[in-house]
Amino acid sequence: MTTSLSARQGLLTKTTGRLKTILDEISETLRTRSFEDEEVKENRSSREEHDMQNGSLQLKKLKKPVEAASTSVENALQTYTAAADMLDKGTPDLSAILDKVLSNSSMAQDLLLRAQTSMVELDTALEELPMVTSASQEEETTPVQLAPIPVPKFSGKIREWESFWSAFEYSVHTRRIGDIYKMNYFLDSLEGKAR
């Protein structure tokens, strides 16, 4: 029965080693992403912007191996502990073997907890990525310099409203500009009591 336990221990060691390698890669990836300072963000080139968009794809690609390796470790741990439970009471050095099983099981469980933490960190990084890209796009947008538009003036007299609105609608309201700019043009066109 100890040969069966040894084989299962080998499988557990192999799967935990693979999971540890994947988790180390994730930690390194997340660490390099978090150390990008503000100067780099401000001076980002289009190539770096493209790399950042690929970062989302890279993070998504890291999730699958973690899930698969975690499942492999869980299965290997389950068969390993089941084999340990089936050891005969008369097995030589039983207490040393059980101590080793306990140590290996504890190490595998710690690694599984680390994998869960890494999954949460990956999810958080994926959620934050759109915020970073949209914030950088907003920073890169230069303010629009509107060309002066001849805007009619409205003094508040009711009989002038219809002609004012027709001229304003033609000059400003039908243009493809933001509502805030339309509102600014409208407020600038008001005079006297209307203001």
N, C-alpha and C. Protein backbone atom coordinates (compact mmCIF):
# COMPACT_ATOMS: atom_id res chain seq x y z
N MET A 1 0.81 -1.20 0.00
CA MET A 1 0.00 0.00 0.00
C MET A 1 0.86 1.26 0.00
N THR A 2 2.06 1.19 0.56
CA THR A 2 2.92 2.37 0.56
C THR A 2 3.40 2.72 -0.84
N THR A 3 3.46 1.74 -1.76
CA THR A 3 3.83 2.06 -3.14
C THR A 3 2.73 2.86 -3.81
N SER A 4 1.47 2.53 -3.49
CA SER A 4 0.35 3.30 -4.02
C SER A 4 0.39 4.73 -3.48
N LEU A 5 0.72 4.85 -2.21
CA LEU A 5 0.84 6.17 -1.58
C LEU A 5 1.99 6.95 -2.22
N SER A 6 3.10 6.27 -2.49
CA SER A 6 4.25 6.93 -3.12
C SER A 6 3.90 7.44 -4.52
N ALA A 7 3.15 6.64 -5.27
CA ALA A 7 2.74 7.06 -6.61
C ALA A 7 1.83 8.27 -6.53
N ARG A 8 0.91 8.25 -5.58
CA ARG A 8 -0.01 9.38 -5.42
C ARG A 8 0.73 10.62 -4.91
N GLN A 9 1.74 10.40 -4.08
CA GLN A 9 2.56 11.52 -3.62
C GLN A 9 3.32 12.14 -4.80
N GLY A 10 3.81 11.31 -5.68
CA GLY A 10 4.50 11.81 -6.87
C GLY A 10 3.58 12.64 -7.74
N LEU A 11 2.35 12.18 -7.92
CA LEU A 11 1.37 12.93 -8.70
C LEU A 11 1.04 14.26 -8.02
N LEU A 12 0.89 14.22 -6.69
CA LEU A 12 0.61 15.45 -5.94
C LEU A 12 1.77 16.43 -6.08
N THR A 13 2.99 15.93 -5.97
CA THR A 13 4.17 16.79 -6.10
C THR A 13 4.24 17.41 -7.49
N LYS A 14 3.95 16.63 -8.51
CA LYS A 14 3.98 17.12 -9.88
C LYS A 14 2.92 18.20 -10.10
N THR A 15 1.69 17.95 -9.65
CA THR A 15 0.61 18.92 -9.88
C THR A 15 0.81 20.19 -9.06
N THR A 16 1.31 20.05 -7.82
CA THR A 16 1.56 21.26 -7.02
C THR A 16 2.71 22.07 -7.61
N GLY A 17 3.70 21.39 -8.16
CA GLY A 17 4.81 22.10 -8.80
C GLY A 17 4.34 22.90 -10.00
N ARG A 18 3.46 22.29 -10.80
CA ARG A 18 2.93 23.00 -11.96
C ARG A 18 2.08 24.20 -11.52
N LEU A 19 1.24 24.01 -10.50
CA LEU A 19 0.41 25.11 -10.01
C LEU A 19 1.28 26.23 -9.44
N LYS A 20 2.32 25.87 -8.71
CA LYS A 20 3.22 26.88 -8.13
C LYS A 20 3.88 27.70 -9.24
N THR A 21 4.31 27.05 -10.32
CA THR A 21 4.92 27.76 -11.44
C THR A 21 3.94 28.75 -12.06
N ILE A 22 2.71 28.31 -12.25
CA ILE A 22 1.68 29.18 -12.83
C ILE A 22 1.40 30.36 -11.90
N LEU A 23 1.31 30.10 -10.60
CA LEU A 23 1.02 31.18 -9.64
C LEU A 23 2.18 32.17 -9.57
N ASP A 24 3.41 31.68 -9.67
CA ASP A 24 4.56 32.59 -9.69
C ASP A 24 4.52 33.49 -10.93
N GLU A 25 4.12 32.92 -12.05
CA GLU A 25 4.00 33.70 -13.29
C GLU A 25 2.92 34.77 -13.15
N ILE A 26 1.81 34.41 -12.53
CA ILE A 26 0.73 35.37 -12.32
C ILE A 26 1.18 36.48 -11.39
N SER A 27 1.86 36.11 -10.30
CA SER A 27 2.35 37.12 -9.36
C SER A 27 3.28 38.10 -10.05
N GLU A 28 4.17 37.58 -10.88
CA GLU A 28 5.10 38.44 -11.61
C GLU A 28 4.35 39.35 -12.59
N THR A 29 3.38 38.80 -13.29
CA THR A 29 2.60 39.59 -14.24
C THR A 29 1.84 40.70 -13.53
N LEU A 30 1.20 40.37 -12.42
CA LEU A 30 0.43 41.38 -11.68
C LEU A 30 1.36 42.42 -11.06
N ARG A 31 2.53 41.99 -10.61
CA ARG A 31 3.47 42.93 -10.00
C ARG A 31 3.99 43.92 -11.05
N THR A 32 4.34 43.43 -12.23
CA THR A 32 4.84 44.35 -13.26
C THR A 32 3.74 45.29 -13.74
N ARG A 33 2.50 44.83 -13.74
CA ARG A 33 1.39 45.70 -14.15
C ARG A 33 1.15 46.78 -13.11
N SER A 34 1.30 46.46 -11.83
CA SER A 34 0.99 47.43 -10.78
C SER A 34 2.10 48.46 -10.60
N PHE A 35 3.33 48.16 -11.08
CA PHE A 35 4.42 49.10 -10.92
C PHE A 35 4.54 50.10 -12.06
N GLU A 36 3.58 50.09 -12.98
CA GLU A 36 3.61 51.06 -14.07
C GLU A 36 3.30 52.42 -13.46
N ASP A 37 4.27 53.33 -13.48
CA ASP A 37 4.07 54.61 -12.80
C ASP A 37 3.37 55.62 -13.70
N GLU A 38 3.02 56.75 -13.10
CA GLU A 38 2.23 57.77 -13.79
C GLU A 38 2.95 58.36 -15.00
N GLU A 39 4.28 58.49 -14.92
CA GLU A 39 5.01 59.04 -16.07
C GLU A 39 4.85 58.16 -17.29
N VAL A 40 4.90 56.87 -17.08
CA VAL A 40 4.75 55.95 -18.20
C VAL A 40 3.34 56.06 -18.75
N LYS A 41 2.35 56.19 -17.87
CA LYS A 41 0.97 56.32 -18.33
C LYS A 41 0.78 57.59 -19.15
N GLU A 42 1.39 58.69 -18.71
CA GLU A 42 1.22 59.95 -19.42
C GLU A 42 1.92 59.94 -20.77
N ASN A 43 3.03 59.24 -20.87
CA ASN A 43 3.81 59.22 -22.10
C ASN A 43 3.55 57.96 -22.92
N ARG A 44 2.40 57.39 -22.76
CA ARG A 44 2.08 56.12 -23.42
C ARG A 44 1.97 56.31 -24.93
N SER A 45 2.67 55.49 -25.67
CA SER A 45 2.60 55.53 -27.13
C SER A 45 1.47 54.63 -27.58
N SER A 46 1.18 54.67 -28.86
CA SER A 46 0.11 53.82 -29.39
C SER A 46 0.50 52.35 -29.26
N ARG A 47 1.78 52.04 -29.34
CA ARG A 47 2.24 50.65 -29.18
C ARG A 47 1.98 50.19 -27.75
N GLU A 48 2.27 51.06 -26.78
CA GLU A 48 2.02 50.70 -25.39
C GLU A 48 0.53 50.56 -25.12
N GLU A 49 -0.28 51.40 -25.78
CA GLU A 49 -1.73 51.30 -25.64
C GLU A 49 -2.21 49.96 -26.18
N HIS A 50 -1.64 49.55 -27.30
CA HIS A 50 -1.97 48.24 -27.88
C HIS A 50 -1.56 47.13 -26.93
N ASP A 51 -0.38 47.27 -26.31
CA ASP A 51 0.08 46.27 -25.35
C ASP A 51 -0.85 46.20 -24.15
N MET A 52 -1.38 47.36 -23.73
CA MET A 52 -2.28 47.38 -22.59
C MET A 52 -3.58 46.66 -22.92
N GLN A 53 -4.07 46.84 -24.14
CA GLN A 53 -5.28 46.13 -24.55
C GLN A 53 -5.01 44.64 -24.62
N ASN A 54 -3.80 44.28 -25.03
CA ASN A 54 -3.43 42.87 -25.04
C ASN A 54 -3.27 42.34 -23.62
N GLY A 55 -3.04 43.23 -22.65
CA GLY A 55 -2.93 42.83 -21.26
C GLY A 55 -4.20 42.16 -20.77
N SER A 56 -5.33 42.63 -21.23
CA SER A 56 -6.60 42.01 -20.88
C SER A 56 -6.64 40.58 -21.38
N LEU A 57 -6.21 40.39 -22.60
CA LEU A 57 -6.17 39.04 -23.17
C LEU A 57 -5.19 38.17 -22.41
N GLN A 58 -4.05 38.75 -22.04
CA GLN A 58 -3.05 38.00 -21.29
C GLN A 58 -3.60 37.57 -19.92
N LEU A 59 -4.30 38.47 -19.24
CA LEU A 59 -4.87 38.13 -17.94
C LEU A 59 -5.92 37.04 -18.07
N LYS A 60 -6.74 37.12 -19.11
CA LYS A 60 -7.75 36.09 -19.32
C LYS A 60 -7.11 34.74 -19.61
N LYS A 61 -5.99 34.76 -20.35
CA LYS A 61 -5.30 33.52 -20.66
C LYS A 61 -4.67 32.90 -19.42
N LEU A 62 -4.33 33.71 -18.43
CA LEU A 62 -3.73 33.19 -17.21
C LEU A 62 -4.75 32.50 -16.31
N LYS A 63 -6.02 32.86 -16.44
CA LYS A 63 -7.05 32.28 -15.57
C LYS A 63 -7.26 30.79 -15.84
N LYS A 64 -7.31 30.40 -17.09
CA LYS A 64 -7.61 29.00 -17.44
C LYS A 64 -6.60 28.02 -16.87
N PRO A 65 -5.29 28.27 -17.03
CA PRO A 65 -4.33 27.32 -16.45
C PRO A 65 -4.42 27.22 -14.93
N VAL A 66 -4.74 28.33 -14.27
CA VAL A 66 -4.88 28.28 -12.81
C VAL A 66 -6.05 27.38 -12.43
N GLU A 67 -7.16 27.56 -13.13
CA GLU A 67 -8.33 26.73 -12.84
C GLU A 67 -8.03 25.26 -13.09
N ALA A 68 -7.39 24.96 -14.21
CA ALA A 68 -7.09 23.56 -14.55
C ALA A 68 -6.08 22.97 -13.56
N ALA A 69 -5.03 23.71 -13.24
CA ALA A 69 -4.02 23.21 -12.32
C ALA A 69 -4.59 23.05 -10.91
N SER A 70 -5.46 23.96 -10.50
CA SER A 70 -6.10 23.84 -9.18
C SER A 70 -6.95 22.59 -9.10
N THR A 71 -7.69 22.32 -10.15
CA THR A 71 -8.51 21.11 -10.19
C THR A 71 -7.63 19.86 -10.12
N SER A 72 -6.51 19.88 -10.84
CA SER A 72 -5.59 18.74 -10.80
C SER A 72 -5.02 18.54 -9.41
N VAL A 73 -4.66 19.62 -8.74
CA VAL A 73 -4.12 19.51 -7.38
C VAL A 73 -5.19 18.99 -6.43
N GLU A 74 -6.42 19.50 -6.55
CA GLU A 74 -7.50 19.01 -5.69
C GLU A 74 -7.72 17.52 -5.87
N ASN A 75 -7.74 17.07 -7.12
CA ASN A 75 -7.94 15.63 -7.39
C ASN A 75 -6.78 14.81 -6.86
N ALA A 76 -5.55 15.27 -7.09
CA ALA A 76 -4.37 14.55 -6.61
C ALA A 76 -4.35 14.51 -5.09
N LEU A 77 -4.72 15.61 -4.46
CA LEU A 77 -4.76 15.66 -2.99
C LEU A 77 -5.80 14.69 -2.45
N GLN A 78 -6.94 14.65 -3.10
CA GLN A 78 -8.00 13.75 -2.66
C GLN A 78 -7.56 12.28 -2.76
N THR A 79 -6.96 11.89 -3.86
CA THR A 79 -6.51 10.50 -4.00
C THR A 79 -5.35 10.20 -3.07
N TYR A 80 -4.49 11.19 -2.83
CA TYR A 80 -3.34 11.01 -1.93
C TYR A 80 -3.81 10.78 -0.50
N THR A 81 -4.73 11.61 -0.04
CA THR A 81 -5.22 11.43 1.33
C THR A 81 -6.06 10.17 1.46
N ALA A 82 -6.77 9.79 0.40
CA ALA A 82 -7.54 8.54 0.44
C ALA A 82 -6.59 7.35 0.55
N ALA A 83 -5.48 7.39 -0.17
CA ALA A 83 -4.49 6.30 -0.09
C ALA A 83 -3.85 6.27 1.29
N ALA A 84 -3.63 7.44 1.89
CA ALA A 84 -3.05 7.50 3.23
C ALA A 84 -4.03 6.94 4.26
N ASP A 85 -5.30 7.20 4.07
CA ASP A 85 -6.32 6.68 4.99
C ASP A 85 -6.41 5.16 4.94
N MET A 86 -6.03 4.58 3.82
CA MET A 86 -6.14 3.13 3.65
C MET A 86 -4.90 2.37 4.13
N LEU A 87 -3.91 3.07 4.68
CA LEU A 87 -2.72 2.40 5.18
C LEU A 87 -3.08 1.50 6.37
N ASP A 88 -2.42 0.35 6.44
CA ASP A 88 -2.63 -0.57 7.56
C ASP A 88 -2.03 0.01 8.82
N LYS A 89 -2.63 -0.32 9.93
CA LYS A 89 -2.12 0.14 11.22
C LYS A 89 -0.75 -0.46 11.50
N GLY A 90 -0.44 -1.60 10.90
CA GLY A 90 0.83 -2.28 11.15
C GLY A 90 1.93 -1.85 10.20
N THR A 91 1.71 -0.83 9.41
CA THR A 91 2.72 -0.35 8.46
C THR A 91 3.91 0.19 9.24
N PRO A 92 5.14 -0.25 8.86
CA PRO A 92 6.31 0.27 9.57
C PRO A 92 6.44 1.79 9.37
N ASP A 93 6.87 2.47 10.41
CA ASP A 93 7.04 3.93 10.40
C ASP A 93 5.75 4.66 10.02
N LEU A 94 4.62 4.17 10.50
CA LEU A 94 3.32 4.76 10.16
C LEU A 94 3.23 6.23 10.58
N SER A 95 3.73 6.53 11.79
CA SER A 95 3.63 7.92 12.26
C SER A 95 4.47 8.86 11.39
N ALA A 96 5.63 8.43 10.94
CA ALA A 96 6.47 9.26 10.07
C ALA A 96 5.79 9.45 8.71
N ILE A 97 5.17 8.38 8.21
CA ILE A 97 4.46 8.47 6.93
C ILE A 97 3.28 9.43 7.04
N LEU A 98 2.53 9.32 8.14
CA LEU A 98 1.37 10.19 8.33
C LEU A 98 1.80 11.65 8.53
N ASP A 99 2.94 11.85 9.20
CA ASP A 99 3.46 13.22 9.33
C ASP A 99 3.80 13.80 7.96
N LYS A 100 4.40 12.97 7.11
CA LYS A 100 4.74 13.40 5.75
C LYS A 100 3.46 13.69 4.95
N VAL A 101 2.45 12.84 5.11
CA VAL A 101 1.16 13.06 4.42
C VAL A 101 0.54 14.37 4.89
N LEU A 102 0.58 14.60 6.19
CA LEU A 102 0.02 15.83 6.75
C LEU A 102 0.77 17.05 6.20
N SER A 103 2.09 16.97 6.15
CA SER A 103 2.90 18.07 5.63
C SER A 103 2.58 18.33 4.16
N ASN A 104 2.54 17.26 3.36
CA ASN A 104 2.24 17.42 1.93
C ASN A 104 0.83 17.96 1.70
N SER A 105 -0.12 17.47 2.49
CA SER A 105 -1.51 17.92 2.36
C SER A 105 -1.63 19.39 2.72
N SER A 106 -0.96 19.78 3.79
CA SER A 106 -0.99 21.17 4.23
C SER A 106 -0.39 22.09 3.16
N MET A 107 0.73 21.65 2.58
CA MET A 107 1.38 22.44 1.53
C MET A 107 0.46 22.57 0.31
N ALA A 108 -0.21 21.49 -0.07
CA ALA A 108 -1.12 21.53 -1.22
C ALA A 108 -2.32 22.44 -0.94
N GLN A 109 -2.84 22.38 0.29
CA GLN A 109 -3.98 23.23 0.64
C GLN A 109 -3.57 24.71 0.65
N ASP A 110 -2.37 24.99 1.16
CA ASP A 110 -1.88 26.37 1.12
C ASP A 110 -1.75 26.87 -0.31
N LEU A 111 -1.28 26.00 -1.18
CA LEU A 111 -1.13 26.36 -2.60
C LEU A 111 -2.50 26.60 -3.24
N LEU A 112 -3.49 25.79 -2.86
CA LEU A 112 -4.85 25.99 -3.39
C LEU A 112 -5.43 27.32 -2.91
N LEU A 113 -5.15 27.68 -1.65
CA LEU A 113 -5.60 28.99 -1.15
C LEU A 113 -4.91 30.12 -1.91
N ARG A 114 -3.64 29.95 -2.18
CA ARG A 114 -2.91 30.95 -2.97
C ARG A 114 -3.50 31.06 -4.38
N ALA A 115 -3.91 29.92 -4.93
CA ALA A 115 -4.53 29.93 -6.27
C ALA A 115 -5.84 30.70 -6.24
N GLN A 116 -6.63 30.50 -5.20
CA GLN A 116 -7.90 31.24 -5.08
C GLN A 116 -7.63 32.73 -4.96
N THR A 117 -6.63 33.10 -4.18
CA THR A 117 -6.27 34.51 -4.04
C THR A 117 -5.82 35.09 -5.38
N SER A 118 -5.03 34.33 -6.11
CA SER A 118 -4.57 34.79 -7.42
C SER A 118 -5.73 34.96 -8.39
N MET A 119 -6.72 34.08 -8.31
CA MET A 119 -7.90 34.21 -9.17
C MET A 119 -8.65 35.50 -8.86
N VAL A 120 -8.77 35.82 -7.57
CA VAL A 120 -9.43 37.06 -7.18
C VAL A 120 -8.62 38.26 -7.68
N GLU A 121 -7.29 38.19 -7.56
CA GLU A 121 -6.45 39.29 -8.04
C GLU A 121 -6.57 39.45 -9.56
N LEU A 122 -6.63 38.33 -10.28
CA LEU A 122 -6.81 38.40 -11.73
C LEU A 122 -8.15 39.03 -12.09
N ASP A 123 -9.20 38.62 -11.39
CA ASP A 123 -10.52 39.20 -11.64
C ASP A 123 -10.52 40.69 -11.37
N THR A 124 -9.87 41.09 -10.28
CA THR A 124 -9.79 42.51 -9.93
C THR A 124 -9.01 43.27 -11.00
N ALA A 125 -7.89 42.71 -11.44
CA ALA A 125 -7.10 43.37 -12.49
C ALA A 125 -7.88 43.48 -13.78
N LEU A 126 -8.67 42.47 -14.11
CA LEU A 126 -9.49 42.52 -15.32
C LEU A 126 -10.58 43.58 -15.20
N GLU A 127 -11.14 43.73 -14.00
CA GLU A 127 -12.17 44.75 -13.79
C GLU A 127 -11.57 46.15 -13.85
N GLU A 128 -10.36 46.31 -13.34
CA GLU A 128 -9.73 47.62 -13.31
C GLU A 128 -9.19 48.03 -14.67
N LEU A 129 -8.89 47.07 -15.53
CA LEU A 129 -8.29 47.37 -16.82
C LEU A 129 -9.15 48.29 -17.68
N PRO A 130 -10.47 48.05 -17.81
CA PRO A 130 -11.27 49.00 -18.61
C PRO A 130 -11.26 50.41 -18.03
N MET A 131 -11.19 50.51 -16.68
CA MET A 131 -11.14 51.82 -16.07
C MET A 131 -9.85 52.53 -16.44
N VAL A 132 -8.74 51.80 -16.46
CA VAL A 132 -7.45 52.39 -16.79
C VAL A 132 -7.43 52.82 -18.24
N THR A 133 -7.93 51.98 -19.14
CA THR A 133 -7.90 52.33 -20.56
C THR A 133 -8.83 53.50 -20.84
N SER A 134 -10.01 53.53 -20.22
CA SER A 134 -10.91 54.65 -20.47
C SER A 134 -10.36 55.93 -19.86
N ALA A 135 -9.70 55.83 -18.70
CA ALA A 135 -9.10 57.01 -18.09
C ALA A 135 -7.96 57.53 -18.95
N SER A 136 -7.16 56.63 -19.50
CA SER A 136 -6.06 57.09 -20.34
C SER A 136 -6.59 57.68 -21.64
N GLN A 137 -7.68 57.16 -22.16
CA GLN A 137 -8.27 57.72 -23.37
C GLN A 137 -8.82 59.10 -23.08
N GLU A 138 -9.41 59.29 -21.90
CA GLU A 138 -9.92 60.60 -21.54
C GLU A 138 -8.78 61.60 -21.39
N GLU A 139 -7.64 61.14 -20.82
CA GLU A 139 -6.50 62.03 -20.66
C GLU A 139 -5.94 62.45 -22.01
N GLU A 140 -5.98 61.55 -22.99
CA GLU A 140 -5.40 61.83 -24.28
C GLU A 140 -6.30 62.71 -25.14
N THR A 141 -7.58 62.85 -24.81
CA THR A 141 -8.50 63.64 -25.60
C THR A 141 -8.19 65.12 -25.38
N THR A 142 -7.92 65.81 -26.46
CA THR A 142 -7.65 67.24 -26.36
C THR A 142 -8.97 67.99 -26.41
N PRO A 143 -9.06 69.10 -25.72
CA PRO A 143 -10.31 69.85 -25.74
C PRO A 143 -10.62 70.34 -27.15
N VAL A 144 -11.86 70.26 -27.50
CA VAL A 144 -12.30 70.67 -28.83
C VAL A 144 -12.38 72.18 -28.87
N GLN A 145 -11.73 72.75 -29.87
CA GLN A 145 -11.80 74.19 -30.08
C GLN A 145 -12.91 74.44 -31.09
N LEU A 146 -14.02 74.95 -30.61
CA LEU A 146 -15.16 75.18 -31.49
C LEU A 146 -14.94 76.43 -32.33
N ALA A 147 -15.32 76.31 -33.56
CA ALA A 147 -15.27 77.48 -34.44
C ALA A 147 -16.38 78.43 -34.01
N PRO A 148 -16.13 79.70 -34.11
CA PRO A 148 -17.19 80.63 -33.74
C PRO A 148 -18.40 80.46 -34.67
N ILE A 149 -19.53 80.31 -34.05
CA ILE A 149 -20.77 80.15 -34.81
C ILE A 149 -21.58 81.43 -34.62
N PRO A 150 -22.06 81.99 -35.70
CA PRO A 150 -22.89 83.18 -35.55
C PRO A 150 -24.21 82.79 -34.88
N VAL A 151 -24.36 83.21 -33.65
CA VAL A 151 -25.54 82.85 -32.88
C VAL A 151 -26.42 84.08 -32.72
N PRO A 152 -27.70 83.96 -33.04
CA PRO A 152 -28.60 85.10 -32.87
C PRO A 152 -28.79 85.39 -31.38
N LYS A 153 -29.13 86.60 -31.07
CA LYS A 153 -29.34 87.00 -29.68
C LYS A 153 -30.83 87.03 -29.37
N PHE A 154 -31.17 86.68 -28.12
CA PHE A 154 -32.56 86.69 -27.68
C PHE A 154 -32.63 87.52 -26.41
N SER A 155 -33.50 88.57 -26.46
CA SER A 155 -33.59 89.50 -25.34
C SER A 155 -34.72 89.18 -24.37
N GLY A 156 -35.54 88.21 -24.70
CA GLY A 156 -36.63 87.83 -23.80
C GLY A 156 -37.99 88.24 -24.29
N LYS A 157 -38.07 88.91 -25.42
CA LYS A 157 -39.37 89.33 -25.96
C LYS A 157 -40.00 88.13 -26.67
N ILE A 158 -41.24 87.86 -26.31
CA ILE A 158 -41.94 86.68 -26.81
C ILE A 158 -42.06 86.70 -28.33
N ARG A 159 -42.35 87.84 -28.91
CA ARG A 159 -42.56 87.89 -30.36
C ARG A 159 -41.27 87.59 -31.14
N GLU A 160 -40.09 87.67 -30.48
CA GLU A 160 -38.82 87.36 -31.14
C GLU A 160 -38.43 85.88 -30.98
N TRP A 161 -39.13 85.17 -30.11
CA TRP A 161 -38.74 83.79 -29.79
C TRP A 161 -38.71 82.88 -31.01
N GLU A 162 -39.76 82.90 -31.81
CA GLU A 162 -39.86 81.97 -32.93
C GLU A 162 -38.73 82.20 -33.94
N SER A 163 -38.46 83.43 -34.26
CA SER A 163 -37.37 83.70 -35.22
C SER A 163 -36.01 83.36 -34.58
N PHE A 164 -35.87 83.68 -33.28
CA PHE A 164 -34.63 83.32 -32.59
C PHE A 164 -34.42 81.81 -32.61
N TRP A 165 -35.47 81.07 -32.24
CA TRP A 165 -35.32 79.61 -32.14
C TRP A 165 -35.03 78.99 -33.51
N SER A 166 -35.65 79.47 -34.54
CA SER A 166 -35.38 78.95 -35.89
C SER A 166 -33.91 79.18 -36.26
N ALA A 167 -33.42 80.38 -36.00
CA ALA A 167 -32.03 80.69 -36.33
C ALA A 167 -31.07 79.90 -35.44
N PHE A 168 -31.39 79.80 -34.15
CA PHE A 168 -30.53 79.06 -33.22
C PHE A 168 -30.50 77.58 -33.58
N GLU A 169 -31.67 77.04 -33.89
CA GLU A 169 -31.74 75.62 -34.23
C GLU A 169 -30.92 75.34 -35.48
N TYR A 170 -31.00 76.20 -36.47
CA TYR A 170 -30.24 76.01 -37.70
C TYR A 170 -28.74 76.16 -37.44
N SER A 171 -28.37 77.17 -36.66
CA SER A 171 -26.95 77.47 -36.44
C SER A 171 -26.27 76.51 -35.46
N VAL A 172 -26.97 76.12 -34.41
CA VAL A 172 -26.32 75.36 -33.33
C VAL A 172 -26.96 74.01 -33.07
N HIS A 173 -28.25 74.01 -32.87
CA HIS A 173 -28.93 72.81 -32.36
C HIS A 173 -28.83 71.60 -33.29
N THR A 174 -28.81 71.81 -34.58
CA THR A 174 -28.76 70.69 -35.52
C THR A 174 -27.34 70.20 -35.78
N ARG A 175 -26.34 70.87 -35.25
CA ARG A 175 -24.95 70.45 -35.45
C ARG A 175 -24.62 69.25 -34.56
N ARG A 176 -23.64 68.49 -34.99
CA ARG A 176 -23.23 67.31 -34.22
C ARG A 176 -22.16 67.73 -33.21
N ILE A 177 -22.61 68.40 -32.17
CA ILE A 177 -21.72 68.78 -31.08
C ILE A 177 -22.39 68.35 -29.78
N GLY A 178 -21.62 68.31 -28.73
CA GLY A 178 -22.15 67.88 -27.45
C GLY A 178 -23.21 68.82 -26.91
N ASP A 179 -24.12 68.25 -26.12
CA ASP A 179 -25.19 69.04 -25.53
C ASP A 179 -24.66 70.16 -24.64
N ILE A 180 -23.55 69.92 -23.97
CA ILE A 180 -22.99 70.95 -23.10
C ILE A 180 -22.56 72.17 -23.92
N TYR A 181 -22.01 71.92 -25.12
CA TYR A 181 -21.62 73.03 -25.99
C TYR A 181 -22.85 73.76 -26.51
N LYS A 182 -23.89 73.02 -26.85
CA LYS A 182 -25.14 73.65 -27.30
C LYS A 182 -25.70 74.54 -26.20
N MET A 183 -25.64 74.03 -24.97
CA MET A 183 -26.15 74.81 -23.84
C MET A 183 -25.33 76.08 -23.64
N ASN A 184 -24.02 75.97 -23.79
CA ASN A 184 -23.17 77.16 -23.67
C ASN A 184 -23.49 78.19 -24.75
N TYR A 185 -23.68 77.73 -25.98
CA TYR A 185 -24.07 78.65 -27.05
C TYR A 185 -25.42 79.29 -26.74
N PHE A 186 -26.35 78.50 -26.21
CA PHE A 186 -27.67 79.02 -25.88
C PHE A 186 -27.57 80.09 -24.80
N LEU A 187 -26.81 79.80 -23.75
CA LEU A 187 -26.66 80.78 -22.67
C LEU A 187 -25.97 82.05 -23.15
N ASP A 188 -25.01 81.90 -24.06
CA ASP A 188 -24.33 83.07 -24.62
C ASP A 188 -25.25 83.91 -25.49
N SER A 189 -26.28 83.29 -26.04
CA SER A 189 -27.17 84.03 -26.94
C SER A 189 -28.23 84.83 -26.17
N LEU A 190 -28.36 84.59 -24.89
CA LEU A 190 -29.38 85.30 -24.10
C LEU A 190 -28.87 86.67 -23.68
N GLU A 191 -29.79 87.67 -23.74
CA GLU A 191 -29.47 89.04 -23.34
C GLU A 191 -30.59 89.58 -22.48
N GLY A 192 -30.30 90.62 -21.78
CA GLY A 192 -31.33 91.35 -21.04
C GLY A 192 -32.09 90.50 -20.05
N LYS A 193 -33.46 90.60 -20.11
CA LYS A 193 -34.32 89.88 -19.18
C LYS A 193 -34.19 88.37 -19.33
N ALA A 194 -33.90 87.89 -20.51
CA ALA A 194 -33.80 86.45 -20.75
C ALA A 194 -32.59 85.84 -20.04
N ARG A 195 -31.58 86.62 -19.83
CA ARG A 195 -30.38 86.12 -19.18
C ARG A 195 -30.69 85.92 -17.74
